[in-house]
């Protein structure tokens, strides 16, 4: 029963990751990393499919093996964060929300940029 839950969570994360390709506010790689974790607990076949995927596999393997993020991914994540924050400003989000968002984005950026390059 628990394996089924892990498998369902993995599938949901894959769907969210694929949606992130088209929605700049939704991150792709973190959802796929989470899917790899869930599939690792539930289905070796699904895990192998995800890790060997032509497009997403290299990023997942880099993270699993070395905790590394590619320089391209770092730049894309930074650009996405700038776009999201700019949109928040344009929509006149309350200042306290902007401050929380800014602190969160800076923290995430720090984490991403301090990881080794893949």
Protein backbone atom coordinates (compact mmCIF):
# COMPACT_ATOMS: atom_id res chain seq x y z
CA UNK A 1 0.00 0.00 0.00
CA UNK A 2 2.81 2.43 0.88
CA UNK A 3 4.54 1.70 -2.43
CA UNK A 4 1.37 2.70 -4.27
CA UNK A 5 1.32 6.03 -2.41
CA UNK A 6 5.00 6.63 -3.30
CA UNK A 7 4.24 5.77 -6.94
CA UNK A 8 1.26 8.14 -7.09
CA UNK A 9 3.30 10.94 -5.50
CA UNK A 10 6.06 10.31 -8.03
CA UNK A 11 3.58 10.52 -10.91
CA UNK A 12 2.13 13.77 -9.54
CA UNK A 13 5.63 15.24 -9.27
CA UNK A 14 6.44 14.23 -12.85
CA UNK A 15 3.26 15.94 -14.04
CA UNK A 16 4.12 19.07 -12.03
CA UNK A 17 7.66 18.98 -13.43
CA UNK A 18 6.38 18.73 -16.99
CA UNK A 19 3.93 21.58 -16.32
CA UNK A 20 6.91 23.62 -15.12
CA UNK A 21 8.33 23.49 -18.64
CA UNK A 22 5.49 25.72 -19.81
CA UNK A 23 4.83 27.72 -16.63
CA UNK A 24 7.79 29.89 -15.59
CA UNK A 25 6.53 30.21 -12.00
CA UNK A 26 6.58 26.43 -11.49
CA UNK A 27 10.04 24.89 -11.13
CA UNK A 28 10.76 21.77 -13.17
CA UNK A 29 13.87 20.15 -11.73
CA UNK A 30 12.88 20.14 -8.03
CA UNK A 31 9.67 18.28 -8.87
CA UNK A 32 11.59 15.79 -10.99
CA UNK A 33 14.13 15.27 -8.19
CA UNK A 34 11.25 14.61 -5.84
CA UNK A 35 9.72 12.22 -8.39
CA UNK A 36 13.03 10.35 -8.60
CA UNK A 37 12.99 10.00 -4.81
CA UNK A 38 9.40 8.71 -4.78
CA UNK A 39 10.03 6.34 -7.68
CA UNK A 40 13.16 5.09 -5.94
CA UNK A 41 10.91 4.03 -3.06
CA UNK A 42 8.19 2.49 -5.22
CA UNK A 43 9.19 1.45 -8.73
CA UNK A 44 12.68 0.75 -10.01
CA UNK A 45 11.29 0.75 -13.55
CA UNK A 46 9.82 4.27 -13.19
CA UNK A 47 12.98 5.47 -11.45
CA UNK A 48 15.18 4.11 -14.26
CA UNK A 49 12.93 5.72 -16.87
CA UNK A 50 13.20 9.12 -15.19
CA UNK A 51 16.95 8.95 -14.51
CA UNK A 52 17.68 7.79 -18.07
CA UNK A 53 15.34 10.36 -19.67
CA UNK A 54 17.15 12.17 -22.48
CA UNK A 55 16.24 15.67 -21.30
CA UNK A 56 15.80 15.41 -17.53
CA UNK A 57 18.06 12.50 -16.66
CA UNK A 58 21.38 14.39 -16.67
CA UNK A 59 20.17 17.01 -14.16
CA UNK A 60 18.77 14.33 -11.87
CA UNK A 61 21.95 12.24 -12.05
CA UNK A 62 24.16 15.30 -11.43
CA UNK A 63 22.17 16.09 -8.30
CA UNK A 64 21.97 12.51 -7.02
CA UNK A 65 25.65 11.75 -7.59
CA UNK A 66 27.35 15.08 -6.80
CA UNK A 67 24.76 17.51 -5.43
CA UNK A 68 25.61 19.58 -8.52
CA UNK A 69 23.54 21.97 -10.63
CA UNK A 70 24.51 22.98 -14.15
CA UNK A 71 25.54 26.58 -14.75
CA UNK A 72 22.75 26.90 -17.34
CA UNK A 73 20.17 25.78 -14.77
CA UNK A 74 21.54 28.27 -12.27
CA UNK A 75 21.15 31.13 -14.75
CA UNK A 76 17.66 29.97 -15.76
CA UNK A 77 16.56 29.76 -12.14
CA UNK A 78 17.92 33.24 -11.41
CA UNK A 79 16.15 34.65 -14.47
CA UNK A 80 12.89 32.95 -13.47
CA UNK A 81 13.12 34.42 -9.99
CA UNK A 82 13.67 37.91 -11.39
CA UNK A 83 10.67 37.51 -13.72
CA UNK A 84 8.42 36.25 -10.92
CA UNK A 85 9.47 39.06 -8.57
CA UNK A 86 8.97 41.66 -11.32
CA UNK A 87 5.48 40.31 -12.02
CA UNK A 88 4.71 40.53 -8.30
CA UNK A 89 5.75 44.19 -8.30
CA UNK A 90 3.70 44.93 -11.43
CA UNK A 91 0.62 43.34 -9.83
CA UNK A 92 1.12 45.64 -6.83
CA UNK A 93 1.42 42.82 -4.32
CA UNK A 94 1.49 44.15 -0.72
CA UNK A 95 4.93 45.21 0.49
CA UNK A 96 5.06 42.67 3.31
CA UNK A 97 4.45 39.87 0.79
CA UNK A 98 7.17 41.28 -1.48
CA UNK A 99 9.60 41.29 1.45
CA UNK A 100 8.80 37.67 2.30
CA UNK A 101 9.12 36.75 -1.37
CA UNK A 102 12.42 38.59 -1.72
CA UNK A 103 13.93 36.93 1.36
CA UNK A 104 12.79 33.53 0.09
CA UNK A 105 14.16 34.13 -3.42
CA UNK A 106 17.49 35.36 -2.08
CA UNK A 107 17.75 32.30 0.17
CA UNK A 108 16.95 29.93 -2.68
CA UNK A 109 19.39 31.75 -4.97
CA UNK A 110 22.12 31.47 -2.35
CA UNK A 111 21.50 27.74 -2.03
CA UNK A 112 21.52 27.21 -5.81
CA UNK A 113 24.65 29.28 -6.47
CA UNK A 114 26.62 27.61 -3.68
CA UNK A 115 26.10 24.13 -5.17
CA UNK A 116 28.92 22.76 -7.34
CA UNK A 117 28.63 23.22 -11.10
CA UNK A 118 27.66 20.14 -13.05
